[in-house]
Each structure stands twice: as C-alpha cells, then as structure tokens.
C-alpha atoms as a PDB file:
ATOM      1  CA  UNK A   1     130.136 -15.662 105.188  1.00  0.00           C
ATOM      2  CA  UNK A   2     132.732 -13.158 104.109  1.00  0.00           C
ATOM      3  CA  UNK A   3     134.280 -12.292 100.773  1.00  0.00           C
ATOM      4  CA  UNK A   4     137.988 -11.969 100.171  1.00  0.00           C
ATOM      5  CA  UNK A   5     140.531 -11.848  97.387  1.00  0.00           C
ATOM      6  CA  UNK A   6     144.269 -12.018  96.848  1.00  0.00           C
ATOM      7  CA  UNK A   7     147.115 -12.090  94.376  1.00  0.00           C
ATOM      8  CA  UNK A   8     150.444 -13.865  94.716  1.00  0.00           C
ATOM      9  CA  UNK A   9     153.637 -14.109  92.687  1.00  0.00           C
ATOM     10  CA  UNK A  10     156.446 -16.616  93.022  1.00  0.00           C
ATOM     11  CA  UNK A  11     158.883 -18.781  91.103  1.00  0.00           C
ATOM     12  CA  UNK A  12     156.736 -21.857  91.737  1.00  0.00           C
ATOM     13  CA  UNK A  13     153.044 -22.254  90.969  1.00  0.00           C
ATOM     14  CA  UNK A  14     152.167 -23.600  94.428  1.00  0.00           C
ATOM     15  CA  UNK A  15     154.098 -20.818  96.163  1.00  0.00           C
ATOM     16  CA  UNK A  16     152.217 -18.185  94.168  1.00  0.00           C
ATOM     17  CA  UNK A  17     148.923 -19.795  95.233  1.00  0.00           C
ATOM     18  CA  UNK A  18     150.051 -19.731  98.879  1.00  0.00           C
ATOM     19  CA  UNK A  19     150.980 -16.057  98.545  1.00  0.00           C
ATOM     20  CA  UNK A  20     147.520 -15.290  97.153  1.00  0.00           C
ATOM     21  CA  UNK A  21     145.904 -17.154 100.068  1.00  0.00           C
ATOM     22  CA  UNK A  22     148.017 -15.138 102.499  1.00  0.00           C
ATOM     23  CA  UNK A  23     147.033 -11.844 100.926  1.00  0.00           C
ATOM     24  CA  UNK A  24     143.398 -12.953 101.088  1.00  0.00           C
ATOM     25  CA  UNK A  25     143.856 -13.745 104.796  1.00  0.00           C
ATOM     26  CA  UNK A  26     142.862 -17.416 104.514  1.00  0.00           C
ATOM     27  CA  UNK A  27     146.185 -19.286 104.272  1.00  0.00           C
ATOM     28  CA  UNK A  28     146.017 -20.566 107.863  1.00  0.00           C
ATOM     29  CA  UNK A  29     142.891 -22.645 107.265  1.00  0.00           C
ATOM     30  CA  UNK A  30     142.211 -26.041 105.695  1.00  0.00           C
ATOM     31  CA  UNK A  31     139.994 -24.970 102.823  1.00  0.00           C
ATOM     32  CA  UNK A  32     137.337 -27.279 101.419  1.00  0.00           C
ATOM     33  CA  UNK A  33     135.740 -26.162  98.163  1.00  0.00           C
ATOM     34  CA  UNK A  34     131.978 -26.502  98.006  1.00  0.00           C
ATOM     35  CA  UNK A  35     129.375 -25.819  95.338  1.00  0.00           C
ATOM     36  CA  UNK A  36     127.671 -22.499  94.842  1.00  0.00           C
ATOM     37  CA  UNK A  37     124.704 -22.322  97.209  1.00  0.00           C
ATOM     38  CA  UNK A  38     124.308 -19.383  99.590  1.00  0.00           C
ATOM     39  CA  UNK A  39     122.504 -20.875 102.607  1.00  0.00           C
ATOM     40  CA  UNK A  40     119.167 -19.381 103.662  1.00  0.00           C
ATOM     41  CA  UNK A  41     119.546 -16.530 106.170  1.00  0.00           C
ATOM     42  CA  UNK A  42     123.314 -16.412 105.601  1.00  0.00           C
ATOM     43  CA  UNK A  43     124.718 -13.039 106.630  1.00  0.00           C
ATOM     44  CA  UNK A  44     127.585 -11.441 104.751  1.00  0.00           C
ATOM     45  CA  UNK A  45     130.063 -10.066 107.286  1.00  0.00           C
ATOM     46  CA  UNK A  46     133.350  -8.216 106.989  1.00  0.00           C
ATOM     47  CA  UNK A  47     136.548 -10.113 106.280  1.00  0.00           C
ATOM     48  CA  UNK A  48     138.097  -8.931 109.551  1.00  0.00           C
ATOM     49  CA  UNK A  49     135.130 -10.144 111.609  1.00  0.00           C
ATOM     50  CA  UNK A  50     135.020 -13.469 109.746  1.00  0.00           C
ATOM     51  CA  UNK A  51     138.746 -14.223 110.063  1.00  0.00           C
ATOM     52  CA  UNK A  52     138.598 -13.367 113.789  1.00  0.00           C
ATOM     53  CA  UNK A  53     135.998 -16.110 114.282  1.00  0.00           C
ATOM     54  CA  UNK A  54     138.190 -18.822 112.726  1.00  0.00           C
ATOM     55  CA  UNK A  55     141.098 -20.765 114.221  1.00  0.00           C
ATOM     56  CA  UNK A  56     144.341 -21.705 112.429  1.00  0.00           C
ATOM     57  CA  UNK A  57     144.076 -25.236 111.031  1.00  0.00           C
ATOM     58  CA  UNK A  58     140.284 -25.179 111.131  1.00  0.00           C
ATOM     59  CA  UNK A  59     138.424 -26.852 108.260  1.00  0.00           C
ATOM     60  CA  UNK A  60     136.642 -24.043 106.434  1.00  0.00           C
ATOM     61  CA  UNK A  61     134.232 -24.315 103.532  1.00  0.00           C
ATOM     62  CA  UNK A  62     134.762 -21.932 100.617  1.00  0.00           C
ATOM     63  CA  UNK A  63     133.478 -21.184  97.163  1.00  0.00           C
ATOM     64  CA  UNK A  64     136.670 -20.160  95.385  1.00  0.00           C
ATOM     65  CA  UNK A  65     137.651 -18.979  91.947  1.00  0.00           C
ATOM     66  CA  UNK A  66     141.318 -19.011  91.010  1.00  0.00           C
ATOM     67  CA  UNK A  67     143.453 -18.451  87.962  1.00  0.00           C
ATOM     68  CA  UNK A  68     147.194 -18.864  87.399  1.00  0.00           C
ATOM     69  CA  UNK A  69     149.751 -18.150  84.695  1.00  0.00           C
ATOM     70  CA  UNK A  70     153.466 -17.662  84.239  1.00  0.00           C
ATOM     71  CA  UNK A  71     152.996 -15.976  80.875  1.00  0.00           C
ATOM     72  CA  UNK A  72     154.482 -12.462  80.914  1.00  0.00           C
ATOM     73  CA  UNK A  73     151.961  -9.616  80.643  1.00  0.00           C
ATOM     74  CA  UNK A  74     148.912 -11.936  80.638  1.00  0.00           C
ATOM     75  CA  UNK A  75     145.863 -10.403  82.349  1.00  0.00           C
ATOM     76  CA  UNK A  76     144.257 -12.813  84.844  1.00  0.00           C
ATOM     77  CA  UNK A  77     140.989 -12.518  86.724  1.00  0.00           C
ATOM     78  CA  UNK A  78     139.105 -14.506  89.348  1.00  0.00           C
ATOM     79  CA  UNK A  79     135.678 -13.519  90.605  1.00  0.00           C
ATOM     80  CA  UNK A  80     132.867 -14.617  92.898  1.00  0.00           C
ATOM     81  CA  UNK A  81     129.338 -13.407  92.161  1.00  0.00           C
ATOM     82  CA  UNK A  82     126.626 -13.273  94.824  1.00  0.00           C
ATOM     83  CA  UNK A  83     122.832 -13.248  94.388  1.00  0.00           C
ATOM     84  CA  UNK A  84     120.709 -12.900  97.528  1.00  0.00           C
ATOM     85  CA  UNK A  85     116.957 -13.607  97.398  1.00  0.00           C
ATOM     86  CA  UNK A  86     114.432 -11.230  98.942  1.00  0.00           C
ATOM     87  CA  UNK A  87     112.944 -14.159 100.882  1.00  0.00           C
ATOM     88  CA  UNK A  88     115.547 -14.850 103.585  1.00  0.00           C
ATOM     89  CA  UNK A  89     114.274 -18.432 103.958  1.00  0.00           C
ATOM     90  CA  UNK A  90     115.193 -19.145 100.310  1.00  0.00           C
ATOM     91  CA  UNK A  91     118.737 -20.096  99.365  1.00  0.00           C
ATOM     92  CA  UNK A  92     120.764 -17.858  97.083  1.00  0.00           C
ATOM     93  CA  UNK A  93     123.620 -18.439  94.687  1.00  0.00           C
ATOM     94  CA  UNK A  94     127.328 -17.847  94.400  1.00  0.00           C
ATOM     95  CA  UNK A  95     129.210 -18.171  91.138  1.00  0.00           C
ATOM     96  CA  UNK A  96     132.867 -18.761  90.360  1.00  0.00           C
ATOM     97  CA  UNK A  97     134.303 -17.199  87.249  1.00  0.00           C
ATOM     98  CA  UNK A  98     137.865 -16.861  86.046  1.00  0.00           C
ATOM     99  CA  UNK A  99     139.230 -15.609  82.757  1.00  0.00           C
ATOM    100  CA  UNK A 100     142.160 -14.239  80.812  1.00  0.00           C
ATOM    101  CA  UNK A 101     142.192 -10.811  79.207  1.00  0.00           C
ATOM    102  CA  UNK A 102     139.238  -9.313  81.108  1.00  0.00           C
ATOM    103  CA  UNK A 103     139.464  -6.289  83.369  1.00  0.00           C
ATOM    104  CA  UNK A 104     138.015  -6.335  86.887  1.00  0.00           C
ATOM    105  CA  UNK A 105     134.682  -4.680  86.092  1.00  0.00           C
ATOM    106  CA  UNK A 106     133.878  -6.981  83.173  1.00  0.00           C
ATOM    107  CA  UNK A 107     134.838 -10.189  84.998  1.00  0.00           C
ATOM    108  CA  UNK A 108     133.012  -9.087  88.158  1.00  0.00           C
ATOM    109  CA  UNK A 109     129.841  -8.126  86.314  1.00  0.00           C
ATOM    110  CA  UNK A 110     129.882 -11.478  84.518  1.00  0.00           C
ATOM    111  CA  UNK A 111     130.230 -13.409  87.796  1.00  0.00           C
ATOM    112  CA  UNK A 112     127.439 -11.360  89.368  1.00  0.00           C
ATOM    113  CA  UNK A 113     125.238 -12.001  86.329  1.00  0.00           C
ATOM    114  CA  UNK A 114     125.901 -15.763  86.516  1.00  0.00           C
ATOM    115  CA  UNK A 115     124.817 -15.891  90.168  1.00  0.00           C
ATOM    116  CA  UNK A 116     121.706 -13.822  89.437  1.00  0.00           C
ATOM    117  CA  UNK A 117     120.791 -16.009  86.446  1.00  0.00           C
ATOM    118  CA  UNK A 118     120.997 -19.169  88.568  1.00  0.00           C
ATOM    119  CA  UNK A 119     118.851 -17.611  91.297  1.00  0.00           C
ATOM    120  CA  UNK A 120     116.337 -16.180  88.810  1.00  0.00           C
ATOM    121  CA  UNK A 121     115.880 -19.563  87.126  1.00  0.00           C
ATOM    122  CA  UNK A 122     115.325 -21.220  90.518  1.00  0.00           C
ATOM    123  CA  UNK A 123     112.772 -18.583  91.521  1.00  0.00           C
ATOM    124  CA  UNK A 124     110.956 -18.727  88.190  1.00  0.00           C
ATOM    125  CA  UNK A 125     111.804 -15.150  87.226  1.00  0.00           C
ATOM    126  CA  UNK A 126     111.713 -14.968  83.428  1.00  0.00           C
ATOM    127  CA  UNK A 127     114.667 -13.458  81.617  1.00  0.00           C
ATOM    128  CA  UNK A 128     116.195 -13.443  78.176  1.00  0.00           C
ATOM    129  CA  UNK A 129     119.759 -14.783  78.187  1.00  0.00           C
ATOM    130  CA  UNK A 130     120.445 -12.795  75.016  1.00  0.00           C
ATOM    131  CA  UNK A 131     119.556  -9.459  76.628  1.00  0.00           C
ATOM    132  CA  UNK A 132     122.227  -7.321  78.227  1.00  0.00           C
ATOM    133  CA  UNK A 133     123.114  -7.737  81.886  1.00  0.00           C
ATOM    134  CA  UNK A 134     121.702  -4.277  82.627  1.00  0.00           C
ATOM    135  CA  UNK A 135     118.363  -5.271  81.059  1.00  0.00           C
ATOM    136  CA  UNK A 136     118.245  -8.544  83.021  1.00  0.00           C
ATOM    137  CA  UNK A 137     119.163  -6.715  86.233  1.00  0.00           C
ATOM    138  CA  UNK A 138     116.134  -4.439  85.779  1.00  0.00           C
ATOM    139  CA  UNK A 139     113.829  -7.447  85.254  1.00  0.00           C
ATOM    140  CA  UNK A 140     115.167  -9.052  88.431  1.00  0.00           C
ATOM    141  CA  UNK A 141     114.760  -5.847  90.451  1.00  0.00           C
ATOM    142  CA  UNK A 142     111.203  -5.378  89.202  1.00  0.00           C
ATOM    143  CA  UNK A 143     110.324  -8.986  90.110  1.00  0.00           C
ATOM    144  CA  UNK A 144     111.074  -8.227  93.765  1.00  0.00           C
ATOM    145  CA  UNK A 145     112.485 -11.741  94.229  1.00  0.00           C
ATOM    146  CA  UNK A 146     116.194 -10.876  94.063  1.00  0.00           C
ATOM    147  CA  UNK A 147     117.157  -8.297  96.648  1.00  0.00           C
ATOM    148  CA  UNK A 148     120.883  -7.924  96.178  1.00  0.00           C
ATOM    149  CA  UNK A 149     123.731  -8.879  93.871  1.00  0.00           C
ATOM    150  CA  UNK A 150     127.423  -8.144  94.178  1.00  0.00           C
ATOM    151  CA  UNK A 151     130.836  -9.524  93.340  1.00  0.00           C
ATOM    152  CA  UNK A 152     134.421  -9.623  94.492  1.00  0.00           C
ATOM    153  CA  UNK A 153     137.108  -9.799  91.846  1.00  0.00           C
ATOM    154  CA  UNK A 154     140.901  -9.952  91.751  1.00  0.00           C
ATOM    155  CA  UNK A 155     142.953  -9.215  88.654  1.00  0.00           C
ATOM    156  CA  UNK A 156     146.686  -9.154  87.993  1.00  0.00           C
ATOM    157  CA  UNK A 157     149.053  -8.916  85.065  1.00  0.00           C
ATOM    158  CA  UNK A 158     151.579 -11.707  84.550  1.00  0.00           C
ATOM    159  CA  UNK A 159     155.112 -10.937  85.696  1.00  0.00           C
ATOM    160  CA  UNK A 160     157.396  -9.685  82.936  1.00  0.00           C
ATOM    161  CA  UNK A 161     160.124 -12.123  84.080  1.00  0.00           C
ATOM    162  CA  UNK A 162     157.803 -15.144  83.978  1.00  0.00           C
ATOM    163  CA  UNK A 163     157.104 -15.670  87.692  1.00  0.00           C
ATOM    164  CA  UNK A 164     153.872 -17.501  88.422  1.00  0.00           C
ATOM    165  CA  UNK A 165     150.954 -15.203  89.198  1.00  0.00           C
ATOM    166  CA  UNK A 166     147.850 -16.439  91.005  1.00  0.00           C
ATOM    167  CA  UNK A 167     144.619 -14.528  91.510  1.00  0.00           C
ATOM    168  CA  UNK A 168     141.788 -15.755  93.686  1.00  0.00           C
ATOM    169  CA  UNK A 169     138.433 -14.638  94.991  1.00  0.00           C
ATOM    170  CA  UNK A 170     136.548 -16.524  97.665  1.00  0.00           C
ATOM    171  CA  UNK A 171     133.355 -16.671  99.671  1.00  0.00           C
ATOM    172  CA  UNK A 172     134.363 -18.085 103.056  1.00  0.00           C
ATOM    173  CA  UNK A 173     131.731 -19.681 105.303  1.00  0.00           C
ATOM    174  CA  UNK A 174     132.027 -19.066 109.034  1.00  0.00           C
ATOM    175  CA  UNK A 175     130.360 -21.765 111.162  1.00  0.00           C
END
C-alpha cells in the first residue's frame, strides 16, 4: 500500500476531482473505494514504487477521503489516518476524515487518532475517549499493541473566483 494526496481546481466539480487525482498520481486507474481495514502484513511503500507496479486502467482498491467546495476562501481538508498493530498477523486500521476550516496538522492528527481508536478497541486496549490525543497516544504506546500511527493530509483554500477546489488523500492497495 502507498499513501498519496492531491489538490485540483477547475470550473467544474468533476474536473477539479480529476485534477486532484492527477496530482496524486492515481488518475489512470479505475479506483474502487473499500472500507478501512489495513490487511495483516501489509507493507507501506513509497508512492513512486507503488505507482510503478500498477498499469493504466487497472482496477485498484483505495481508502479515500475527499472534500470539495466552490466557496471562495473556504479551507478544505482530506486526511487518511493509519494505525499499524505490533503483531504483523493482526489487521490494522485506516480512517477517512474530511473537514472544513481545519489546518493540516489538526485534520491529520484527528484522522490518525480515529484509526488508532478503532485499532485500540479491537485489540482491547483501554482508553478514555475524553482524554487528549496525546494522552491516548501514550496509553497505546505503553500497551505495546500499536506499533505505528501516521497520516497523510491535503488542504487547500477555495479559489477567490469561485472555481471548484477538490482535496483528496488516499491509501492505495497494490496487488
């Protein structure tokens, strides 16, 4: 699997989505959205290596977050969070999160937290949903059951002339 992101702007909504896919490097594939499970033993590879293994027109499974607006000056975000278990034979989680008005760090941290919460609940790691993300992250690290979390996030500000803006983030599975 590899992570990618993109932003596109155009007069038409669909064209802005296509531009975002192009910037992300995944426009040449037939994308099929799937739910948020990171398969056991799935390796995260670079975007360049992943794209090189795919063929134009190929059906490719993705977990994708996207957001669109033609409202001038509106802040958009789209993020994918990743939570990898310490036990490589256990499945992990991906999360999709998109929002308005949130900067990259906040949206990304939220997506990462969502993925970690889903994995922690599956693994039976106790946590308090009302505690801060930093506090929960420490509990998960101490448990030794979650080895790694990360995110990829794309933000953009709506075009002042009202063009459509699309942001996307994706986890792309390579067969």
